[in-house]
Amino acid sequence: MITVIGLILWGASAAKGVTGSVARSWIALALTAGLLAVGVLAFAVNDSTTRSTLIGALGAAVGAATAFYFSSKSTDQAHDLLTTSVGTETVPDLTGRTADDAMRVLSTTTLRLMVDPTSPAPAAGKNVVKQQPLAGAVAPKGTTVLVTYG
């Protein structure tokens, strides 16, 4: 039964294209199965002291599982909020471009252009031969793109 519930949870998250933590769902599922087993054991025992101890442990475990589930979920949401508020951009390909062309391309983004101090100065006939971060990389807004002319 637990396996079926796990497969349903996994299938539902995959169907929605959810990229969040699957581990959180599996941990919650494992904790629920454990709590179910402890609950059954608590009522199967005839000793009232042992039963009270198991029921107390069950209550503590439920609280811990709930706290874990929601605290890790809020951490993921806070990370997503931070990424959204700061934002990211895809670094354009500047290789083969002149200094003016590279500056024009970056002017449409929040990325900044910086010439590598070990590189020859940008001049006529000199194009970008290397850049860091590489083209296609996802970088935080405002990141400096270091270019080398050759």
C-alpha atoms as a PDB file:
ATOM      1  CA  MET A   1       0.000   0.000   0.000  1.00  0.00           C
ATOM      2  CA  ILE A   2       2.825   2.388   0.887  1.00  0.00           C
ATOM      3  CA  THR A   3       4.520   1.604  -2.427  1.00  0.00           C
ATOM      4  CA  VAL A   4       1.330   2.440  -4.331  1.00  0.00           C
ATOM      5  CA  ILE A   5       1.027   5.787  -2.528  1.00  0.00           C
ATOM      6  CA  GLY A   6       4.686   6.492  -3.289  1.00  0.00           C
ATOM      7  CA  LEU A   7       4.219   5.705  -6.961  1.00  0.00           C
ATOM      8  CA  ILE A   8       1.153   7.946  -7.114  1.00  0.00           C
ATOM      9  CA  LEU A   9       3.087  10.828  -5.525  1.00  0.00           C
ATOM     10  CA  TRP A  10       6.037  10.283  -7.852  1.00  0.00           C
ATOM     11  CA  GLY A  11       3.797  10.006 -10.923  1.00  0.00           C
ATOM     12  CA  ALA A  12       1.853  13.137 -10.002  1.00  0.00           C
ATOM     13  CA  SER A  13       5.016  15.188  -9.565  1.00  0.00           C
ATOM     14  CA  ALA A  14       6.484  13.873 -12.825  1.00  0.00           C
ATOM     15  CA  ALA A  15       3.243  14.545 -14.714  1.00  0.00           C
ATOM     16  CA  LYS A  16       3.142  18.157 -13.560  1.00  0.00           C
ATOM     17  CA  GLY A  17       6.793  18.664 -14.486  1.00  0.00           C
ATOM     18  CA  VAL A  18       7.607  19.526 -10.889  1.00  0.00           C
ATOM     19  CA  THR A  19      11.344  19.906 -10.397  1.00  0.00           C
ATOM     20  CA  GLY A  20      11.156  20.332  -6.613  1.00  0.00           C
ATOM     21  CA  SER A  21      12.519  17.955  -4.070  1.00  0.00           C
ATOM     22  CA  VAL A  22      11.172  14.444  -4.492  1.00  0.00           C
ATOM     23  CA  ALA A  23      13.182  13.461  -1.430  1.00  0.00           C
ATOM     24  CA  ARG A  24      10.863  15.490   0.811  1.00  0.00           C
ATOM     25  CA  SER A  25       7.849  13.496  -0.393  1.00  0.00           C
ATOM     26  CA  TRP A  26       9.637  10.185   0.083  1.00  0.00           C
ATOM     27  CA  ILE A  27      10.797  11.127   3.581  1.00  0.00           C
ATOM     28  CA  ALA A  28       7.264  12.178   4.484  1.00  0.00           C
ATOM     29  CA  LEU A  29       5.976   8.887   3.096  1.00  0.00           C
ATOM     30  CA  ALA A  30       8.534   6.881   5.095  1.00  0.00           C
ATOM     31  CA  LEU A  31       7.702   8.807   8.270  1.00  0.00           C
ATOM     32  CA  THR A  32       3.998   8.208   7.707  1.00  0.00           C
ATOM     33  CA  ALA A  33       4.586   4.471   7.278  1.00  0.00           C
ATOM     34  CA  GLY A  34       6.661   4.396  10.458  1.00  0.00           C
ATOM     35  CA  LEU A  35       4.029   6.329  12.369  1.00  0.00           C
ATOM     36  CA  LEU A  36       1.350   3.970  11.132  1.00  0.00           C
ATOM     37  CA  ALA A  37       3.378   0.988  12.360  1.00  0.00           C
ATOM     38  CA  VAL A  38       3.970   2.609  15.775  1.00  0.00           C
ATOM     39  CA  GLY A  39       0.259   3.451  16.022  1.00  0.00           C
ATOM     40  CA  VAL A  40      -0.755  -0.142  15.322  1.00  0.00           C
ATOM     41  CA  LEU A  41       1.841  -1.390  17.804  1.00  0.00           C
ATOM     42  CA  ALA A  42       0.618   1.046  20.466  1.00  0.00           C
ATOM     43  CA  PHE A  43      -2.892  -0.367  20.355  1.00  0.00           C
ATOM     44  CA  ALA A  44      -1.708  -3.983  20.098  1.00  0.00           C
ATOM     45  CA  VAL A  45       0.182  -3.763  23.406  1.00  0.00           C
ATOM     46  CA  ASN A  46      -1.758  -4.591  26.572  1.00  0.00           C
ATOM     47  CA  ASP A  47       0.619  -2.821  28.978  1.00  0.00           C
ATOM     48  CA  SER A  48      -0.742   0.682  29.687  1.00  0.00           C
ATOM     49  CA  THR A  49       2.698   2.178  30.439  1.00  0.00           C
ATOM     50  CA  THR A  50       4.150   0.925  27.161  1.00  0.00           C
ATOM     51  CA  ARG A  51       1.031   2.059  25.309  1.00  0.00           C
ATOM     52  CA  SER A  52       1.294   5.565  26.807  1.00  0.00           C
ATOM     53  CA  THR A  53       4.977   5.738  25.876  1.00  0.00           C
ATOM     54  CA  LEU A  54       4.275   4.658  22.297  1.00  0.00           C
ATOM     55  CA  ILE A  55       1.400   7.130  21.929  1.00  0.00           C
ATOM     56  CA  GLY A  56       3.646   9.913  23.289  1.00  0.00           C
ATOM     57  CA  ALA A  57       6.361   8.927  20.831  1.00  0.00           C
ATOM     58  CA  LEU A  58       3.764   8.878  18.067  1.00  0.00           C
ATOM     59  CA  GLY A  59       2.678  12.429  18.903  1.00  0.00           C
ATOM     60  CA  ALA A  60       6.278  13.664  18.996  1.00  0.00           C
ATOM     61  CA  ALA A  61       7.061  11.966  15.689  1.00  0.00           C
ATOM     62  CA  VAL A  62       3.993  13.493  14.022  1.00  0.00           C
ATOM     63  CA  GLY A  63       5.100  16.932  15.198  1.00  0.00           C
ATOM     64  CA  ALA A  64       8.651  16.369  13.972  1.00  0.00           C
ATOM     65  CA  ALA A  65       7.491  15.074  10.585  1.00  0.00           C
ATOM     66  CA  THR A  66       5.153  18.040  10.128  1.00  0.00           C
ATOM     67  CA  ALA A  67       7.849  20.529  11.147  1.00  0.00           C
ATOM     68  CA  PHE A  68      10.373  18.914   8.789  1.00  0.00           C
ATOM     69  CA  TYR A  69       8.003  18.873   5.837  1.00  0.00           C
ATOM     70  CA  PHE A  70       6.935  22.500   6.123  1.00  0.00           C
ATOM     71  CA  SER A  71      10.316  23.936   7.141  1.00  0.00           C
ATOM     72  CA  SER A  72      12.137  22.352   4.202  1.00  0.00           C
ATOM     73  CA  LYS A  73       9.346  23.438   1.872  1.00  0.00           C
ATOM     74  CA  SER A  74       9.596  27.045   3.081  1.00  0.00           C
ATOM     75  CA  THR A  75      13.377  26.920   2.609  1.00  0.00           C
ATOM     76  CA  ASP A  76      12.872  25.867  -1.017  1.00  0.00           C
ATOM     77  CA  GLN A  77      10.333  28.669  -1.485  1.00  0.00           C
ATOM     78  CA  ALA A  78      12.708  31.235   0.050  1.00  0.00           C
ATOM     79  CA  HIS A  79      15.461  30.099  -2.337  1.00  0.00           C
ATOM     80  CA  ASP A  80      13.079  30.411  -5.290  1.00  0.00           C
ATOM     81  CA  LEU A  81      12.011  33.887  -4.116  1.00  0.00           C
ATOM     82  CA  LEU A  82      15.637  35.003  -3.823  1.00  0.00           C
ATOM     83  CA  THR A  83      16.470  33.714  -7.296  1.00  0.00           C
ATOM     84  CA  THR A  84      13.391  35.425  -8.716  1.00  0.00           C
ATOM     85  CA  SER A  85      14.044  38.767  -7.030  1.00  0.00           C
ATOM     86  CA  VAL A  86      17.720  38.873  -8.002  1.00  0.00           C
ATOM     87  CA  GLY A  87      17.074  37.207 -11.330  1.00  0.00           C
ATOM     88  CA  THR A  88      19.327  35.448 -13.771  1.00  0.00           C
ATOM     89  CA  GLU A  89      20.232  35.866 -17.404  1.00  0.00           C
ATOM     90  CA  THR A  90      21.705  33.670 -20.088  1.00  0.00           C
ATOM     91  CA  VAL A  91      25.158  34.882 -21.099  1.00  0.00           C
ATOM     92  CA  PRO A  92      25.253  35.670 -24.843  1.00  0.00           C
ATOM     93  CA  ASP A  93      28.020  34.416 -27.138  1.00  0.00           C
ATOM     94  CA  LEU A  94      30.552  37.205 -27.630  1.00  0.00           C
ATOM     95  CA  THR A  95      33.299  35.187 -29.334  1.00  0.00           C
ATOM     96  CA  GLY A  96      34.241  36.504 -32.752  1.00  0.00           C
ATOM     97  CA  ARG A  97      32.717  39.925 -32.067  1.00  0.00           C
ATOM     98  CA  THR A  98      34.477  43.281 -32.128  1.00  0.00           C
ATOM     99  CA  ALA A  99      34.638  45.432 -28.991  1.00  0.00           C
ATOM    100  CA  ASP A 100      31.787  47.663 -30.188  1.00  0.00           C
ATOM    101  CA  ASP A 101      29.651  44.693 -31.201  1.00  0.00           C
ATOM    102  CA  ALA A 102      30.249  42.920 -27.866  1.00  0.00           C
ATOM    103  CA  MET A 103      29.303  46.108 -25.991  1.00  0.00           C
ATOM    104  CA  ARG A 104      26.160  46.467 -28.122  1.00  0.00           C
ATOM    105  CA  VAL A 105      25.102  42.868 -27.414  1.00  0.00           C
ATOM    106  CA  LEU A 106      25.632  43.245 -23.658  1.00  0.00           C
ATOM    107  CA  SER A 107      23.833  46.612 -23.584  1.00  0.00           C
ATOM    108  CA  THR A 108      20.547  44.737 -24.044  1.00  0.00           C
ATOM    109  CA  THR A 109      21.195  42.853 -20.780  1.00  0.00           C
ATOM    110  CA  THR A 110      22.175  43.745 -17.219  1.00  0.00           C
ATOM    111  CA  LEU A 111      25.529  42.013 -17.719  1.00  0.00           C
ATOM    112  CA  ARG A 112      28.701  44.123 -17.705  1.00  0.00           C
ATOM    113  CA  LEU A 113      31.697  43.883 -20.036  1.00  0.00           C
ATOM    114  CA  MET A 114      35.272  43.830 -18.741  1.00  0.00           C
ATOM    115  CA  VAL A 115      38.424  43.314 -20.788  1.00  0.00           C
ATOM    116  CA  ASP A 116      40.888  40.791 -19.376  1.00  0.00           C
ATOM    117  CA  PRO A 117      43.909  42.816 -18.183  1.00  0.00           C
ATOM    118  CA  THR A 118      46.278  40.225 -19.719  1.00  0.00           C
ATOM    119  CA  SER A 119      44.567  40.551 -23.104  1.00  0.00           C
ATOM    120  CA  PRO A 120      45.694  42.913 -25.855  1.00  0.00           C
ATOM    121  CA  ALA A 121      43.654  46.119 -25.907  1.00  0.00           C
ATOM    122  CA  PRO A 122      40.595  45.989 -28.149  1.00  0.00           C
ATOM    123  CA  ALA A 123      41.568  47.496 -31.491  1.00  0.00           C
ATOM    124  CA  ALA A 124      40.494  47.351 -35.098  1.00  0.00           C
ATOM    125  CA  GLY A 125      40.727  43.809 -36.368  1.00  0.00           C
ATOM    126  CA  LYS A 126      40.775  42.319 -32.861  1.00  0.00           C
ATOM    127  CA  ASN A 127      37.851  40.119 -31.914  1.00  0.00           C
ATOM    128  CA  VAL A 128      36.808  38.348 -28.735  1.00  0.00           C
ATOM    129  CA  VAL A 129      38.539  34.957 -28.576  1.00  0.00           C
ATOM    130  CA  LYS A 130      37.511  33.923 -25.064  1.00  0.00           C
ATOM    131  CA  GLN A 131      34.877  34.869 -22.520  1.00  0.00           C
ATOM    132  CA  GLN A 132      34.068  33.995 -18.931  1.00  0.00           C
ATOM    133  CA  PRO A 133      31.343  32.996 -18.032  1.00  0.00           C
ATOM    134  CA  LEU A 134      30.915  30.924 -21.155  1.00  0.00           C
ATOM    135  CA  ALA A 135      28.147  31.532 -23.673  1.00  0.00           C
ATOM    136  CA  GLY A 136      24.863  29.946 -22.639  1.00  0.00           C
ATOM    137  CA  ALA A 137      25.693  29.935 -18.921  1.00  0.00           C
ATOM    138  CA  VAL A 138      23.020  31.202 -16.551  1.00  0.00           C
ATOM    139  CA  ALA A 139      24.430  34.018 -14.405  1.00  0.00           C
ATOM    140  CA  PRO A 140      22.933  36.408 -11.831  1.00  0.00           C
ATOM    141  CA  LYS A 141      21.892  39.776 -13.222  1.00  0.00           C
ATOM    142  CA  GLY A 142      24.723  42.304 -13.145  1.00  0.00           C
ATOM    143  CA  THR A 143      27.460  39.699 -13.580  1.00  0.00           C
ATOM    144  CA  THR A 144      30.678  40.881 -15.236  1.00  0.00           C
ATOM    145  CA  VAL A 145      31.618  39.081 -18.450  1.00  0.00           C
ATOM    146  CA  LEU A 146      35.409  38.955 -18.814  1.00  0.00           C
ATOM    147  CA  VAL A 147      36.546  38.937 -22.454  1.00  0.00           C
ATOM    148  CA  THR A 148      39.926  38.333 -24.071  1.00  0.00           C
ATOM    149  CA  TYR A 149      40.780  39.848 -27.458  1.00  0.00           C
ATOM    150  CA  GLY A 150      43.170  38.267 -29.908  1.00  0.00           C
END
